[in-house]
Amino acid sequence: MSTNIQRQDVTPPPPPLEEGYWSALLQEGEFAEVATNGHESDHGKVSARFTSTALDGMTHLNGQPNSTEHDWQDISLIMHDDNVVELPVIGYNRGGLLVEWRSLHGFVPASQLMDFPATANGIARRNALMDMVGQKLQLRVIELSHEQNRLILSERAARVQPGERADILRRLKPGDSVSGIVTNLCDFGAFVDLGGLEGLVHISELSWGRVGHPADMLHRGQEIHIHVLDIDREAGRIALSLKRLHPDPWATVTERYEVGQVVEGTITNVVDFGAFACIEEGLEGLIHVSELAEGHFLHPRNVVNEGQQITARVLSIDSHARRLGLSLRVSQ
């Protein structure tokens, strides 16, 4: 059996910038309990994308049924002019705050709040959100869709000067390197505030190596240097990359390693058909089950475990396919 079998790449491709970008900010609140006036709602569950009709007896959260065309037109002008509005917080869910503007209800994702606790502790986050009910916030509209009854606002965006966010979009170009603050981490990537305007680092753009979850590399509130990958100026969305700040280790792998060479590494993942080992940042090879040890054993975990330091021999190198075959049977 070949010793060069590689793990299938299970990282999903980066989502198109124009599809579902800002809705990702709301996923933490999906099917979270809604609270109004500081008390848990008895109306059941609601998707943070606010398309559910499960709130029996309550108005639709992103736009009330009796909201007027005039209100949508006015809030659209406010967004166009980049003006700041002061709105009361009328409720919360796990993902953020509900605010009210005339006949419309809007949503402020937790990642768009200033001085929000950078913690994964659900109770602490919930209490912080609950404590803000009844307060008034200075906010800017960052996404608006009358057709989808979507009104998304940001306290972070309200802290910059009028026109500054549009200026960032005009100035930035693919290939630029900029600094930003990590505002939110989710399964598929990290959001970074570039100065009142957020960009997305897809998980596949965090590192040349394997990343289990963005939280393994970054934390909320962290300042990072970042590479601009792509820009959708019309939608106001920016794709970012961390790994592009560093050379691709696979591009020069044959300059540093050769078949038969003995290398040091760390086991990163153990699967039924073998184990993966990192021999340098971004460079991971497969130790096929047949190359783990002599004799029979029930599972590769009977031989190695994640985090274990190993000495291995290079069996094969395929830089184009990004595959590296290793063996723990060093003496052979």
Protein backbone atom coordinates (compact mmCIF):
# COMPACT_ATOMS: atom_id res chain seq x y z
CA MET A 1 0.00 0.00 0.00
CA SER A 2 1.28 3.47 -0.89
CA THR A 3 2.87 5.45 1.91
CA ASN A 4 2.03 8.75 0.22
CA ILE A 5 -1.70 8.83 0.97
CA GLN A 6 -2.62 12.30 2.15
CA ARG A 7 -5.50 13.52 4.23
CA GLN A 8 -8.30 14.95 2.13
CA ASP A 9 -8.44 18.71 2.52
CA VAL A 10 -11.56 19.25 4.60
CA THR A 11 -11.17 23.04 4.78
CA PRO A 12 -14.06 24.60 2.86
CA PRO A 13 -13.12 27.11 0.16
CA PRO A 14 -13.42 30.79 1.02
CA PRO A 15 -17.02 31.94 0.57
CA PRO A 16 -17.62 34.45 -2.22
CA LEU A 17 -17.38 37.95 -0.78
CA GLU A 18 -20.86 38.84 -1.96
CA GLU A 19 -22.60 35.88 -0.33
CA GLY A 20 -23.43 35.63 3.35
CA TYR A 21 -20.55 37.82 4.50
CA TRP A 22 -22.19 39.91 7.18
CA SER A 23 -24.70 37.22 8.09
CA ALA A 24 -21.72 35.33 9.46
CA LEU A 25 -21.51 37.94 12.20
CA LEU A 26 -24.86 36.75 13.45
CA GLN A 27 -24.26 33.00 13.59
CA GLU A 28 -23.40 32.98 17.27
CA GLY A 29 -26.96 34.03 17.99
CA GLU A 30 -28.63 31.47 15.79
CA PHE A 31 -31.49 29.82 17.66
CA ALA A 32 -30.56 31.73 20.81
CA GLU A 33 -33.21 32.80 23.25
CA VAL A 34 -34.36 36.36 22.77
CA ALA A 35 -34.71 38.70 25.70
CA THR A 36 -36.71 41.89 25.93
CA ASN A 37 -36.66 44.35 28.81
CA GLY A 38 -33.98 42.25 30.49
CA HIS A 39 -36.10 39.10 30.78
CA GLU A 40 -36.03 35.88 28.83
CA SER A 41 -38.64 35.75 26.14
CA ASP A 42 -41.37 33.13 26.36
CA HIS A 43 -41.82 33.22 22.61
CA GLY A 44 -39.39 30.46 21.76
CA LYS A 45 -36.35 30.56 19.51
CA VAL A 46 -35.35 32.88 16.71
CA SER A 47 -32.59 32.63 14.14
CA ALA A 48 -30.07 35.41 14.40
CA ARG A 49 -30.60 35.97 10.72
CA PHE A 50 -34.06 37.10 11.74
CA THR A 51 -36.04 35.22 9.14
CA SER A 52 -37.95 33.08 11.62
CA THR A 53 -41.63 33.66 12.36
CA ALA A 54 -41.38 31.71 15.62
CA LEU A 55 -41.82 34.84 17.74
CA ASP A 56 -45.53 34.40 18.04
CA GLY A 57 -47.15 37.70 18.95
CA MET A 58 -43.97 39.73 18.44
CA THR A 59 -42.99 41.86 15.48
CA HIS A 60 -40.28 40.79 13.06
CA LEU A 61 -36.95 41.80 14.57
CA ASN A 62 -35.32 43.40 11.55
CA GLY A 63 -38.37 45.23 10.32
CA GLN A 64 -41.80 45.44 11.85
CA PRO A 65 -44.75 44.53 9.64
CA ASN A 66 -46.06 48.10 9.99
CA SER A 67 -42.71 49.72 9.24
CA THR A 68 -43.17 52.36 6.59
CA GLU A 69 -41.38 52.90 3.30
CA HIS A 70 -40.52 56.36 4.61
CA ASP A 71 -38.54 54.91 7.51
CA TRP A 72 -36.56 52.60 5.23
CA GLN A 73 -35.84 55.50 2.90
CA ASP A 74 -34.65 57.69 5.78
CA ILE A 75 -32.39 55.04 7.30
CA SER A 76 -30.97 54.40 3.82
CA LEU A 77 -30.08 58.10 3.55
CA ILE A 78 -28.47 57.97 7.00
CA MET A 79 -26.32 55.06 5.83
CA HIS A 80 -25.47 56.81 2.56
CA ASP A 81 -24.40 59.97 4.42
CA ASP A 82 -22.41 57.87 6.92
CA ASN A 83 -24.20 59.52 9.84
CA VAL A 84 -24.24 58.30 13.44
CA VAL A 85 -27.55 57.59 15.20
CA GLU A 86 -28.27 57.12 18.90
CA LEU A 87 -30.59 54.18 19.47
CA PRO A 88 -31.98 52.45 22.57
CA VAL A 89 -31.19 48.81 23.26
CA ILE A 90 -34.50 46.95 23.62
CA GLY A 91 -33.29 43.36 23.86
CA TYR A 92 -30.54 40.86 23.19
CA ASN A 93 -29.77 37.36 22.08
CA ARG A 94 -26.59 35.31 22.27
CA GLY A 95 -25.20 37.04 19.20
CA GLY A 96 -25.79 40.69 20.06
CA LEU A 97 -28.25 43.47 20.81
CA LEU A 98 -31.61 44.51 19.41
CA VAL A 99 -32.09 48.24 18.89
CA GLU A 100 -35.00 50.39 17.79
CA TRP A 101 -35.20 53.17 15.22
CA ARG A 102 -38.71 54.55 14.62
CA SER A 103 -40.77 51.60 13.38
CA LEU A 104 -37.70 49.52 12.56
CA HIS A 105 -35.71 47.11 14.69
CA GLY A 106 -32.02 46.57 14.03
CA PHE A 107 -29.29 44.26 15.25
CA VAL A 108 -25.85 45.07 16.65
CA PRO A 109 -23.58 41.98 16.57
CA ALA A 110 -21.57 41.53 19.78
CA SER A 111 -18.35 41.80 17.76
CA GLN A 112 -19.41 45.32 16.73
CA LEU A 113 -19.63 46.55 20.34
CA MET A 114 -16.85 48.54 21.96
CA ASP A 115 -15.43 47.33 25.27
CA PHE A 116 -17.29 44.02 25.00
CA PRO A 117 -15.60 41.25 27.04
CA ALA A 118 -13.25 39.21 24.86
CA THR A 119 -14.23 35.90 26.41
CA ALA A 120 -15.73 32.63 25.23
CA ASN A 121 -17.55 32.30 28.56
CA GLY A 122 -21.20 32.17 27.54
CA ILE A 123 -22.51 33.35 30.90
CA ALA A 124 -20.19 36.37 30.99
CA ARG A 125 -21.13 37.34 27.44
CA ARG A 126 -24.84 36.92 28.15
CA ASN A 127 -24.64 39.03 31.29
CA ALA A 128 -22.73 41.76 29.47
CA LEU A 129 -25.38 41.88 26.75
CA MET A 130 -28.23 41.81 29.25
CA ASP A 131 -26.70 44.71 31.20
CA MET A 132 -26.84 46.87 28.07
CA VAL A 133 -30.61 46.59 27.68
CA GLY A 134 -32.11 50.03 28.28
CA GLN A 135 -28.92 51.89 27.37
CA LYS A 136 -28.52 54.10 24.31
CA LEU A 137 -25.70 53.49 21.84
CA GLN A 138 -24.03 55.62 19.20
CA LEU A 139 -24.23 53.50 16.04
CA ARG A 140 -23.61 53.47 12.30
CA VAL A 141 -25.51 51.37 9.79
CA ILE A 142 -23.15 48.82 8.21
CA GLU A 143 -25.67 46.77 6.26
CA LEU A 144 -29.19 47.46 5.13
CA SER A 145 -31.60 45.45 3.01
CA HIS A 146 -35.25 46.41 2.88
CA GLU A 147 -36.05 43.30 0.85
CA GLN A 148 -34.56 41.04 3.52
CA ASN A 149 -35.77 43.17 6.44
CA ARG A 150 -32.14 43.44 7.50
CA LEU A 151 -30.75 46.38 9.44
CA ILE A 152 -27.28 45.80 10.92
CA LEU A 153 -25.49 48.47 12.96
CA SER A 154 -22.10 48.89 14.59
CA GLU A 155 -20.78 50.77 17.60
CA ARG A 156 -17.23 50.26 16.36
CA ALA A 157 -18.01 51.93 13.04
CA ALA A 158 -19.52 54.91 14.90
CA ARG A 159 -16.16 55.68 16.54
CA VAL A 160 -14.47 56.77 13.30
CA GLN A 161 -14.87 60.04 11.43
CA PRO A 162 -17.56 60.36 8.73
CA GLY A 163 -16.27 59.08 5.43
CA GLU A 164 -13.33 57.24 7.01
CA ARG A 165 -14.73 53.81 6.23
CA ALA A 166 -15.34 54.77 2.60
CA ASP A 167 -11.81 56.17 2.49
CA ILE A 168 -10.42 52.81 3.67
CA LEU A 169 -12.25 51.08 0.83
CA ARG A 170 -10.88 53.58 -1.68
CA ARG A 171 -7.31 53.38 -0.42
CA LEU A 172 -6.95 49.63 0.05
CA LYS A 173 -5.89 47.43 -2.82
CA PRO A 174 -5.10 43.72 -3.09
CA GLY A 175 -1.56 43.05 -1.94
CA ASP A 176 -1.52 45.74 0.74
CA SER A 177 -0.38 44.94 4.27
CA VAL A 178 -2.34 46.63 7.06
CA SER A 179 -2.91 46.39 10.81
CA GLY A 180 -6.21 45.53 12.46
CA ILE A 181 -7.93 44.26 15.58
CA VAL A 182 -9.48 40.79 15.76
CA THR A 183 -13.16 41.32 16.59
CA ASN A 184 -14.75 37.91 16.15
CA LEU A 185 -13.77 34.26 15.70
CA CYS A 186 -16.02 31.62 14.19
CA ASP A 187 -15.60 28.15 12.71
CA PHE A 188 -14.75 29.39 9.24
CA GLY A 189 -12.49 32.32 10.02
CA ALA A 190 -11.75 35.57 11.83
CA PHE A 191 -13.12 39.09 11.45
CA VAL A 192 -10.64 41.96 11.68
CA ASP A 193 -11.49 45.63 12.27
CA LEU A 194 -9.43 47.81 9.94
CA GLY A 195 -10.72 51.09 11.35
CA GLY A 196 -14.50 50.96 11.50
CA LEU A 197 -14.61 48.54 8.56
CA GLU A 198 -14.23 44.79 8.97
CA GLY A 199 -12.51 42.24 6.79
CA LEU A 200 -12.69 38.44 6.89
CA VAL A 201 -9.75 36.04 7.16
CA HIS A 202 -11.08 32.69 5.99
CA ILE A 203 -9.70 29.73 7.96
CA SER A 204 -7.86 28.56 4.85
CA GLU A 205 -5.97 31.89 4.84
CA LEU A 206 -4.81 31.77 8.46
CA SER A 207 -1.82 29.49 7.99
CA TRP A 208 -0.05 27.37 5.39
CA GLY A 209 -0.50 24.52 7.86
CA ARG A 210 -3.49 22.91 9.52
CA VAL A 211 -5.76 25.09 11.66
CA GLY A 212 -8.38 23.32 13.77
CA HIS A 213 -10.16 26.53 14.75
CA PRO A 214 -9.23 30.21 14.36
CA ALA A 215 -9.22 30.48 18.17
CA ASP A 216 -6.17 28.20 18.15
CA MET A 217 -4.20 31.04 16.55
CA LEU A 218 -5.94 34.29 17.44
CA HIS A 219 -7.96 35.88 20.21
CA ARG A 220 -10.49 38.70 20.31
CA GLY A 221 -8.91 42.10 20.79
CA GLN A 222 -5.56 40.99 19.37
CA GLU A 223 -3.78 43.44 17.05
CA ILE A 224 -2.41 41.72 13.97
CA HIS A 225 -0.64 42.58 10.73
CA ILE A 226 -2.65 41.33 7.77
CA HIS A 227 -2.49 40.96 3.98
CA VAL A 228 -5.32 42.31 1.77
CA LEU A 229 -6.44 39.50 -0.53
CA ASP A 230 -9.48 40.90 -2.32
CA ILE A 231 -11.91 43.83 -2.09
CA ASP A 232 -15.55 44.18 -3.06
CA ARG A 233 -15.95 47.95 -2.94
CA GLU A 234 -19.60 47.91 -3.95
CA ALA A 235 -20.53 45.59 -1.07
CA GLY A 236 -17.94 47.10 1.29
CA ARG A 237 -16.28 43.77 2.01
CA ILE A 238 -12.64 42.85 2.32
CA ALA A 239 -10.96 39.43 2.17
CA LEU A 240 -7.79 39.16 4.23
CA SER A 241 -4.98 36.67 4.70
CA LEU A 242 -2.43 35.96 7.42
CA LYS A 243 -0.52 33.22 5.65
CA ARG A 244 0.30 35.37 2.60
CA LEU A 245 2.58 37.47 4.77
CA HIS A 246 4.94 34.48 4.79
CA PRO A 247 6.40 32.39 1.94
CA ASP A 248 4.64 29.15 1.08
CA PRO A 249 6.92 26.47 2.62
CA TRP A 250 5.84 23.97 -0.04
CA ALA A 251 7.28 26.16 -2.81
CA THR A 252 10.83 25.52 -1.59
CA VAL A 253 10.42 22.20 0.23
CA THR A 254 12.84 20.35 -2.09
CA GLU A 255 15.53 22.93 -1.31
CA ARG A 256 15.46 22.02 2.38
CA TYR A 257 14.60 18.32 2.43
CA GLU A 258 15.50 15.20 0.49
CA VAL A 259 14.37 11.58 0.46
CA GLY A 260 16.13 9.59 3.16
CA GLN A 261 16.75 12.63 5.38
CA VAL A 262 16.03 12.24 9.11
CA VAL A 263 13.88 15.06 10.53
CA GLU A 264 12.33 16.07 13.84
CA GLY A 265 8.61 16.77 14.08
CA THR A 266 5.45 16.91 16.18
CA ILE A 267 2.41 14.69 15.74
CA THR A 268 -0.54 16.96 14.82
CA ASN A 269 -3.30 14.46 14.05
CA VAL A 270 -3.86 10.72 14.36
CA VAL A 271 -6.29 9.00 12.00
CA ASP A 272 -7.23 5.42 11.14
CA PHE A 273 -4.70 5.18 8.29
CA GLY A 274 -1.77 6.79 10.09
CA ALA A 275 -0.62 10.05 11.63
CA PHE A 276 0.33 13.53 10.46
CA ALA A 277 3.46 15.25 11.70
CA CYS A 278 4.55 18.87 11.38
CA ILE A 279 8.26 19.21 10.60
CA GLU A 280 8.17 23.02 10.27
CA GLU A 281 5.45 25.66 10.35
CA GLY A 282 3.07 25.00 7.46
CA LEU A 283 4.78 21.78 6.40
CA GLU A 284 3.02 18.59 7.42
CA GLY A 285 3.70 15.02 6.33
CA LEU A 286 1.89 11.70 6.59
CA ILE A 287 3.24 8.70 8.45
CA HIS A 288 1.21 5.87 6.95
CA VAL A 289 0.05 3.19 9.38
CA SER A 290 2.49 0.75 7.77
CA GLU A 291 5.36 3.13 8.61
CA LEU A 292 4.49 3.72 12.26
CA ALA A 293 6.01 0.61 13.82
CA GLU A 294 6.80 -3.04 13.32
CA GLY A 295 4.19 -5.69 14.11
CA HIS A 296 0.45 -5.38 14.62
CA PHE A 297 -1.41 -2.82 16.70
CA LEU A 298 -5.09 -1.95 17.00
CA HIS A 299 -4.88 1.73 16.03
CA PRO A 300 -2.20 4.34 15.28
CA ARG A 301 -3.07 5.88 18.68
CA ASN A 302 -1.46 2.84 20.25
CA VAL A 303 1.84 4.08 18.80
CA VAL A 304 1.65 7.92 18.73
CA ASN A 305 -0.48 10.74 20.11
CA GLU A 306 -1.08 14.40 19.22
CA GLY A 307 1.68 16.65 20.54
CA GLN A 308 4.26 13.88 20.69
CA GLN A 309 7.77 14.76 19.46
CA ILE A 310 9.09 12.26 16.90
CA THR A 311 12.12 11.53 14.74
CA ALA A 312 11.16 10.45 11.23
CA ARG A 313 12.71 9.62 7.86
CA VAL A 314 11.54 11.34 4.65
CA LEU A 315 10.13 8.76 2.23
CA SER A 316 8.77 10.97 -0.55
CA ILE A 317 8.33 14.63 -1.48
CA ASP A 318 5.74 16.00 -3.92
CA SER A 319 5.77 19.80 -3.72
CA HIS A 320 3.15 20.22 -6.46
CA ALA A 321 0.62 17.97 -4.70
CA ARG A 322 1.80 19.31 -1.29
CA ARG A 323 2.50 15.80 -0.04
CA LEU A 324 5.26 14.55 2.18
CA GLY A 325 5.66 10.89 3.13
CA LEU A 326 7.37 10.07 6.44
CA SER A 327 8.34 6.95 8.34
CA LEU A 328 9.06 6.28 12.00
CA ARG A 329 11.09 3.25 10.98
CA VAL A 330 14.18 5.47 10.80
CA SER A 331 16.75 2.70 10.78
CA GLN A 332 15.51 1.17 7.50
